Amino acid sequence: MDPPDPVEAIRFRMEQQGLVRKDLEPMIGTRTRVAEVLNRRRPLSITMIRKLHAKLGIPAEVLIRRPRLAGQSRRG
């Protein structure tokens, strides 16, 4: 089984911890940048990966993977 997609991992952790997009701003940047990342229009930077790993506990190995493109199947 493949490790989770980085965006799915972030969304899962948000759901687990009751977080909203605004809660990601200190780790990712502006509201627009958070939306771009969650909508798969912008990749995570190394700085974002470090902050998400440190603050949310998402494994860095998951965050460094390439996110699936919108509409791409889980097996694709």
PDB file of N, CA and C in Angstrom:
ATOM      1  N   MET A   1       0.839  -1.181   0.000  1.00  0.00           N
ATOM      2  CA  MET A   1       0.000   0.000   0.000  1.00  0.00           C
ATOM      3  C   MET A   1       0.882   1.241   0.000  1.00  0.00           C
ATOM      4  N   ASP A   2       0.557   2.191  -0.856  1.00  0.00           N
ATOM      5  CA  ASP A   2       1.336   3.420  -0.957  1.00  0.00           C
ATOM      6  C   ASP A   2       1.085   4.322   0.245  1.00  0.00           C
ATOM      7  N   PRO A   3       2.103   5.089   0.640  1.00  0.00           N
ATOM      8  CA  PRO A   3       1.887   6.095   1.691  1.00  0.00           C
ATOM      9  C   PRO A   3       0.859   7.116   1.207  1.00  0.00           C
ATOM     10  N   PRO A   4       0.216   7.817   2.129  1.00  0.00           N
ATOM     11  CA  PRO A   4      -0.807   8.780   1.724  1.00  0.00           C
ATOM     12  C   PRO A   4      -0.224   9.948   0.936  1.00  0.00           C
ATOM     13  N   ASP A   5      -1.062  10.539   0.142  1.00  0.00           N
ATOM     14  CA  ASP A   5      -0.747  11.754  -0.588  1.00  0.00           C
ATOM     15  C   ASP A   5      -0.553  12.880   0.440  1.00  0.00           C
ATOM     16  N   PRO A   6       0.397  13.805   0.231  1.00  0.00           N
ATOM     17  CA  PRO A   6       0.630  14.871   1.220  1.00  0.00           C
ATOM     18  C   PRO A   6      -0.611  15.703   1.521  1.00  0.00           C
ATOM     19  N   VAL A   7      -1.368  16.055   0.495  1.00  0.00           N
ATOM     20  CA  VAL A   7      -2.559  16.877   0.718  1.00  0.00           C
ATOM     21  C   VAL A   7      -3.599  16.093   1.517  1.00  0.00           C
ATOM     22  N   GLU A   8      -3.771  14.818   1.200  1.00  0.00           N
ATOM     23  CA  GLU A   8      -4.704  13.988   1.958  1.00  0.00           C
ATOM     24  C   GLU A   8      -4.251  13.866   3.411  1.00  0.00           C
ATOM     25  N   ALA A   9      -2.951  13.749   3.631  1.00  0.00           N
ATOM     26  CA  ALA A   9      -2.424  13.654   4.992  1.00  0.00           C
ATOM     27  C   ALA A   9      -2.706  14.933   5.774  1.00  0.00           C
ATOM     28  N   ILE A  10      -2.537  16.071   5.137  1.00  0.00           N
ATOM     29  CA  ILE A  10      -2.819  17.353   5.794  1.00  0.00           C
ATOM     30  C   ILE A  10      -4.306  17.450   6.117  1.00  0.00           C
ATOM     31  N   ARG A  11      -5.146  17.115   5.153  1.00  0.00           N
ATOM     32  CA  ARG A  11      -6.595  17.177   5.382  1.00  0.00           C
ATOM     33  C   ARG A  11      -7.030  16.219   6.500  1.00  0.00           C
ATOM     34  N   PHE A  12      -6.442  15.033   6.515  1.00  0.00           N
ATOM     35  CA  PHE A  12      -6.768  14.055   7.555  1.00  0.00           C
ATOM     36  C   PHE A  12      -6.391  14.597   8.933  1.00  0.00           C
ATOM     37  N   ARG A  13      -5.195  15.176   9.045  1.00  0.00           N
ATOM     38  CA  ARG A  13      -4.758  15.721  10.330  1.00  0.00           C
ATOM     39  C   ARG A  13      -5.628  16.908  10.741  1.00  0.00           C
ATOM     40  N   MET A  14      -6.042  17.720   9.769  1.00  0.00           N
ATOM     41  CA  MET A  14      -6.944  18.830  10.072  1.00  0.00           C
ATOM     42  C   MET A  14      -8.241  18.292  10.680  1.00  0.00           C
ATOM     43  N   GLU A  15      -8.773  17.241  10.071  1.00  0.00           N
ATOM     44  CA  GLU A  15     -10.013  16.645  10.563  1.00  0.00           C
ATOM     45  C   GLU A  15      -9.819  16.054  11.956  1.00  0.00           C
ATOM     46  N   GLN A  16      -8.716  15.349  12.156  1.00  0.00           N
ATOM     47  CA  GLN A  16      -8.424  14.743  13.453  1.00  0.00           C
ATOM     48  C   GLN A  16      -8.362  15.781  14.570  1.00  0.00           C
ATOM     49  N   GLN A  17      -7.739  16.921  14.268  1.00  0.00           N
ATOM     50  CA  GLN A  17      -7.496  17.929  15.299  1.00  0.00           C
ATOM     51  C   GLN A  17      -8.516  19.060  15.283  1.00  0.00           C
ATOM     52  N   GLY A  18      -9.520  18.960  14.416  1.00  0.00           N
ATOM     53  CA  GLY A  18     -10.543  19.997  14.351  1.00  0.00           C
ATOM     54  C   GLY A  18     -10.011  21.328  13.853  1.00  0.00           C
ATOM     55  N   LEU A  19      -9.039  21.270  12.941  1.00  0.00           N
ATOM     56  CA  LEU A  19      -8.432  22.489  12.415  1.00  0.00           C
ATOM     57  C   LEU A  19      -9.176  22.988  11.186  1.00  0.00           C
ATOM     58  N   VAL A  20      -9.086  24.274  10.959  1.00  0.00           N
ATOM     59  CA  VAL A  20      -9.619  24.895   9.743  1.00  0.00           C
ATOM     60  C   VAL A  20      -8.448  25.468   8.958  1.00  0.00           C
ATOM     61  N   ARG A  21      -8.719  25.881   7.733  1.00  0.00           N
ATOM     62  CA  ARG A  21      -7.650  26.387   6.866  1.00  0.00           C
ATOM     63  C   ARG A  21      -6.848  27.498   7.519  1.00  0.00           C
ATOM     64  N   LYS A  22      -7.518  28.367   8.239  1.00  0.00           N
ATOM     65  CA  LYS A  22      -6.825  29.486   8.900  1.00  0.00           C
ATOM     66  C   LYS A  22      -5.747  28.982   9.860  1.00  0.00           C
ATOM     67  N   ASP A  23      -5.965  27.825  10.466  1.00  0.00           N
ATOM     68  CA  ASP A  23      -4.986  27.251  11.392  1.00  0.00           C
ATOM     69  C   ASP A  23      -3.690  26.850  10.692  1.00  0.00           C
ATOM     70  N   LEU A  24      -3.748  26.663   9.373  1.00  0.00           N
ATOM     71  CA  LEU A  24      -2.554  26.275   8.618  1.00  0.00           C
ATOM     72  C   LEU A  24      -1.702  27.471   8.188  1.00  0.00           C
ATOM     73  N   GLU A  25      -2.240  28.665   8.306  1.00  0.00           N
ATOM     74  CA  GLU A  25      -1.510  29.852   7.843  1.00  0.00           C
ATOM     75  C   GLU A  25      -0.129  30.015   8.477  1.00  0.00           C
ATOM     76  N   PRO A  26       0.055  29.770   9.777  1.00  0.00           N
ATOM     77  CA  PRO A  26       1.410  29.905  10.341  1.00  0.00           C
ATOM     78  C   PRO A  26       2.410  28.908   9.739  1.00  0.00           C
ATOM     79  N   MET A  27       1.914  27.810   9.221  1.00  0.00           N
ATOM     80  CA  MET A  27       2.794  26.772   8.673  1.00  0.00           C
ATOM     81  C   MET A  27       2.981  26.888   7.164  1.00  0.00           C
ATOM     82  N   ILE A  28       1.957  27.392   6.471  1.00  0.00           N
ATOM     83  CA  ILE A  28       1.991  27.417   5.007  1.00  0.00           C
ATOM     84  C   ILE A  28       2.111  28.828   4.448  1.00  0.00           C
ATOM     85  N   GLY A  29       1.466  29.781   5.081  1.00  0.00           N
ATOM     86  CA  GLY A  29       1.529  31.152   4.587  1.00  0.00           C
ATOM     87  C   GLY A  29       0.142  31.770   4.543  1.00  0.00           C
ATOM     88  N   THR A  30      -0.064  32.623   3.583  1.00  0.00           N
ATOM     89  CA  THR A  30      -1.314  33.366   3.471  1.00  0.00           C
ATOM     90  C   THR A  30      -2.504  32.444   3.212  1.00  0.00           C
ATOM     91  N   ARG A  31      -3.679  32.996   3.366  1.00  0.00           N
ATOM     92  CA  ARG A  31      -4.909  32.249   3.094  1.00  0.00           C
ATOM     93  C   ARG A  31      -4.914  31.736   1.660  1.00  0.00           C
ATOM     94  N   THR A  32      -4.432  32.572   0.741  1.00  0.00           N
ATOM     95  CA  THR A  32      -4.361  32.172  -0.666  1.00  0.00           C
ATOM     96  C   THR A  32      -3.399  31.009  -0.852  1.00  0.00           C
ATOM     97  N   ARG A  33      -2.254  31.071  -0.207  1.00  0.00           N
ATOM     98  CA  ARG A  33      -1.269  29.995  -0.337  1.00  0.00           C
ATOM     99  C   ARG A  33      -1.798  28.687   0.243  1.00  0.00           C
ATOM    100  N   VAL A  34      -2.494  28.757   1.367  1.00  0.00           N
ATOM    101  CA  VAL A  34      -3.098  27.556   1.949  1.00  0.00           C
ATOM    102  C   VAL A  34      -4.082  26.944   0.959  1.00  0.00           C
ATOM    103  N   ALA A  35      -4.915  27.775   0.361  1.00  0.00           N
ATOM    104  CA  ALA A  35      -5.890  27.285  -0.627  1.00  0.00           C
ATOM    105  C   ALA A  35      -5.186  26.652  -1.819  1.00  0.00           C
ATOM    106  N   GLU A  36      -4.121  27.275  -2.289  1.00  0.00           N
ATOM    107  CA  GLU A  36      -3.380  26.722  -3.432  1.00  0.00           C
ATOM    108  C   GLU A  36      -2.806  25.344  -3.105  1.00  0.00           C
ATOM    109  N   VAL A  37      -2.258  25.186  -1.911  1.00  0.00           N
ATOM    110  CA  VAL A  37      -1.693  23.896  -1.512  1.00  0.00           C
ATOM    111  C   VAL A  37      -2.802  22.845  -1.400  1.00  0.00           C
ATOM    112  N   LEU A  38      -3.883  23.178  -0.707  1.00  0.00           N
ATOM    113  CA  LEU A  38      -4.951  22.205  -0.498  1.00  0.00           C
ATOM    114  C   LEU A  38      -5.697  21.870  -1.789  1.00  0.00           C
ATOM    115  N   ASN A  39      -5.658  22.774  -2.750  1.00  0.00           N
ATOM    116  CA  ASN A  39      -6.290  22.521  -4.052  1.00  0.00           C
ATOM    117  C   ASN A  39      -5.301  21.991  -5.080  1.00  0.00           C
ATOM    118  N   ARG A  40      -4.104  21.653  -4.604  1.00  0.00           N
ATOM    119  CA  ARG A  40      -3.057  21.025  -5.431  1.00  0.00           C
ATOM    120  C   ARG A  40      -2.555  21.920  -6.571  1.00  0.00           C
ATOM    121  N   ARG A  41      -2.593  23.217  -6.355  1.00  0.00           N
ATOM    122  CA  ARG A  41      -2.080  24.147  -7.361  1.00  0.00           C
ATOM    123  C   ARG A  41      -0.663  24.614  -7.041  1.00  0.00           C
ATOM    124  N   ARG A  42      -0.215  24.346  -5.809  1.00  0.00           N
ATOM    125  CA  ARG A  42       1.128  24.757  -5.375  1.00  0.00           C
ATOM    126  C   ARG A  42       1.731  23.627  -4.564  1.00  0.00           C
ATOM    127  N   PRO A  43       2.973  23.259  -4.864  1.00  0.00           N
ATOM    128  CA  PRO A  43       3.618  22.214  -4.061  1.00  0.00           C
ATOM    129  C   PRO A  43       4.083  22.764  -2.716  1.00  0.00           C
ATOM    130  N   LEU A  44       4.302  21.879  -1.793  1.00  0.00           N
ATOM    131  CA  LEU A  44       4.839  22.280  -0.493  1.00  0.00           C
ATOM    132  C   LEU A  44       6.311  22.627  -0.642  1.00  0.00           C
ATOM    133  N   SER A  45       6.728  23.690   0.017  1.00  0.00           N
ATOM    134  CA  SER A  45       8.148  24.041   0.043  1.00  0.00           C
ATOM    135  C   SER A  45       8.809  23.288   1.203  1.00  0.00           C
ATOM    136  N   ILE A  46      10.118  23.286   1.222  1.00  0.00           N
ATOM    137  CA  ILE A  46      10.846  22.640   2.324  1.00  0.00           C
ATOM    138  C   ILE A  46      10.472  23.284   3.663  1.00  0.00           C
ATOM    139  N   THR A  47      10.340  24.592   3.678  1.00  0.00           N
ATOM    140  CA  THR A  47       9.967  25.300   4.904  1.00  0.00           C
ATOM    141  C   THR A  47       8.579  24.872   5.372  1.00  0.00           C
ATOM    142  N   MET A  48       7.628  24.780   4.436  1.00  0.00           N
ATOM    143  CA  MET A  48       6.281  24.335   4.792  1.00  0.00           C
ATOM    144  C   MET A  48       6.307  22.918   5.349  1.00  0.00           C
ATOM    145  N   ILE A  49       7.073  22.047   4.694  1.00  0.00           N
ATOM    146  CA  ILE A  49       7.179  20.651   5.128  1.00  0.00           C
ATOM    147  C   ILE A  49       7.722  20.582   6.554  1.00  0.00           C
ATOM    148  N   ARG A  50       8.763  21.341   6.828  1.00  0.00           N
ATOM    149  CA  ARG A  50       9.353  21.341   8.176  1.00  0.00           C
ATOM    150  C   ARG A  50       8.341  21.801   9.227  1.00  0.00           C
ATOM    151  N   LYS A  51       7.618  22.875   8.915  1.00  0.00           N
ATOM    152  CA  LYS A  51       6.644  23.405   9.877  1.00  0.00           C
ATOM    153  C   LYS A  51       5.474  22.457  10.077  1.00  0.00           C
ATOM    154  N   LEU A  52       4.956  21.877   9.000  1.00  0.00           N
ATOM    155  CA  LEU A  52       3.845  20.927   9.111  1.00  0.00           C
ATOM    156  C   LEU A  52       4.272  19.698   9.899  1.00  0.00           C
ATOM    157  N   HIS A  53       5.483  19.235   9.662  1.00  0.00           N
ATOM    158  CA  HIS A  53       6.005  18.081  10.397  1.00  0.00           C
ATOM    159  C   HIS A  53       6.135  18.408  11.886  1.00  0.00           C
ATOM    160  N   ALA A  54       6.712  19.559  12.192  1.00  0.00           N
ATOM    161  CA  ALA A  54       6.949  19.938  13.586  1.00  0.00           C
ATOM    162  C   ALA A  54       5.649  20.211  14.345  1.00  0.00           C
ATOM    163  N   LYS A  55       4.722  20.902  13.717  1.00  0.00           N
ATOM    164  CA  LYS A  55       3.516  21.333  14.434  1.00  0.00           C
ATOM    165  C   LYS A  55       2.368  20.340  14.369  1.00  0.00           C
ATOM    166  N   LEU A  56       2.280  19.576  13.292  1.00  0.00           N
ATOM    167  CA  LEU A  56       1.164  18.636  13.151  1.00  0.00           C
ATOM    168  C   LEU A  56       1.593  17.180  13.294  1.00  0.00           C
ATOM    169  N   GLY A  57       2.896  16.944  13.292  1.00  0.00           N
ATOM    170  CA  GLY A  57       3.381  15.589  13.459  1.00  0.00           C
ATOM    171  C   GLY A  57       3.189  14.693  12.241  1.00  0.00           C
ATOM    172  N   ILE A  58       3.002  15.289  11.085  1.00  0.00           N
ATOM    173  CA  ILE A  58       2.875  14.498   9.859  1.00  0.00           C
ATOM    174  C   ILE A  58       4.281  14.080   9.450  1.00  0.00           C
ATOM    175  N   PRO A  59       4.500  12.801   9.190  1.00  0.00           N
ATOM    176  CA  PRO A  59       5.847  12.355   8.815  1.00  0.00           C
ATOM    177  C   PRO A  59       6.386  13.102   7.590  1.00  0.00           C
ATOM    178  N   ALA A  60       7.625  13.526   7.680  1.00  0.00           N
ATOM    179  CA  ALA A  60       8.251  14.253   6.568  1.00  0.00           C
ATOM    180  C   ALA A  60       8.253  13.406   5.302  1.00  0.00           C
ATOM    181  N   GLU A  61       8.382  12.081   5.447  1.00  0.00           N
ATOM    182  CA  GLU A  61       8.398  11.192   4.280  1.00  0.00           C
ATOM    183  C   GLU A  61       7.098  11.293   3.493  1.00  0.00           C
ATOM    184  N   VAL A  62       6.002  11.530   4.197  1.00  0.00           N
ATOM    185  CA  VAL A  62       4.702  11.685   3.536  1.00  0.00           C
ATOM    186  C   VAL A  62       4.636  13.049   2.840  1.00  0.00           C
ATOM    187  N   LEU A  63       5.094  14.076   3.535  1.00  0.00           N
ATOM    188  CA  LEU A  63       4.981  15.438   3.004  1.00  0.00           C
ATOM    189  C   LEU A  63       5.859  15.692   1.785  1.00  0.00           C
ATOM    190  N   ILE A  64       6.973  14.968   1.649  1.00  0.00           N
ATOM    191  CA  ILE A  64       7.856  15.228   0.518  1.00  0.00           C
ATOM    192  C   ILE A  64       7.405  14.528  -0.765  1.00  0.00           C
ATOM    193  N   ARG A  65       6.447  13.615  -0.649  1.00  0.00           N
ATOM    194  CA  ARG A  65       5.932  12.943  -1.853  1.00  0.00           C
ATOM    195  C   ARG A  65       5.241  13.946  -2.759  1.00  0.00           C
ATOM    196  N   ARG A  66       5.208  13.638  -4.037  1.00  0.00           N
ATOM    197  CA  ARG A  66       4.452  14.482  -4.968  1.00  0.00           C
ATOM    198  C   ARG A  66       2.971  14.255  -4.760  1.00  0.00           C
ATOM    199  N   PRO A  67       2.206  15.344  -4.656  1.00  0.00           N
ATOM    200  CA  PRO A  67       0.758  15.163  -4.501  1.00  0.00           C
ATOM    201  C   PRO A  67       0.149  14.680  -5.809  1.00  0.00           C
ATOM    202  N   ARG A  68      -0.928  13.916  -5.687  1.00  0.00           N
ATOM    203  CA  ARG A  68      -1.662  13.512  -6.877  1.00  0.00           C
ATOM    204  C   ARG A  68      -2.279  14.741  -7.509  1.00  0.00           C
ATOM    205  N   LEU A  69      -2.430  14.705  -8.794  1.00  0.00           N
ATOM    206  CA  LEU A  69      -3.114  15.790  -9.486  1.00  0.00           C
ATOM    207  C   LEU A  69      -4.605  15.697  -9.224  1.00  0.00           C
ATOM    208  N   ALA A  70      -5.278  16.810  -9.275  1.00  0.00           N
ATOM    209  CA  ALA A  70      -6.735  16.816  -9.071  1.00  0.00           C
ATOM    210  C   ALA A  70      -7.357  15.873 -10.081  1.00  0.00           C
ATOM    211  N   GLY A  71      -8.240  15.013  -9.608  1.00  0.00           N
ATOM    212  CA  GLY A  71      -8.930  14.073 -10.483  1.00  0.00           C
ATOM    213  C   GLY A  71      -8.176  12.785 -10.757  1.00  0.00           C
ATOM    214  N   GLN A  72      -6.947  12.676 -10.300  1.00  0.00           N
ATOM    215  CA  GLN A  72      -6.146  11.463 -10.528  1.00  0.00           C
ATOM    216  C   GLN A  72      -6.589  10.400  -9.532  1.00  0.00           C
ATOM    217  N   SER A  73      -6.702   9.168  -9.980  1.00  0.00           N
ATOM    218  CA  SER A  73      -7.157   8.091  -9.104  1.00  0.00           C
ATOM    219  C   SER A  73      -6.087   7.772  -8.071  1.00  0.00           C
ATOM    220  N   ARG A  74      -6.496   7.109  -7.004  1.00  0.00           N
ATOM    221  CA  ARG A  74      -5.566   6.742  -5.942  1.00  0.00           C
ATOM    222  C   ARG A  74      -4.537   5.760  -6.415  1.00  0.00           C
ATOM    223  N   ARG A  75      -4.858   4.962  -7.391  1.00  0.00           N
ATOM    224  CA  ARG A  75      -3.921   3.974  -7.896  1.00  0.00           C
ATOM    225  C   ARG A  75      -3.043   4.528  -9.001  1.00  0.00           C
ATOM    226  N   GLY A  76      -3.430   5.692  -9.562  1.00  0.00           N
ATOM    227  CA  GLY A  76      -2.742   6.268 -10.700  1.00  0.00           C
ATOM    228  C   GLY A  76      -1.452   6.842 -10.345  1.00  0.00           C
TER     229      GLY A  76
END
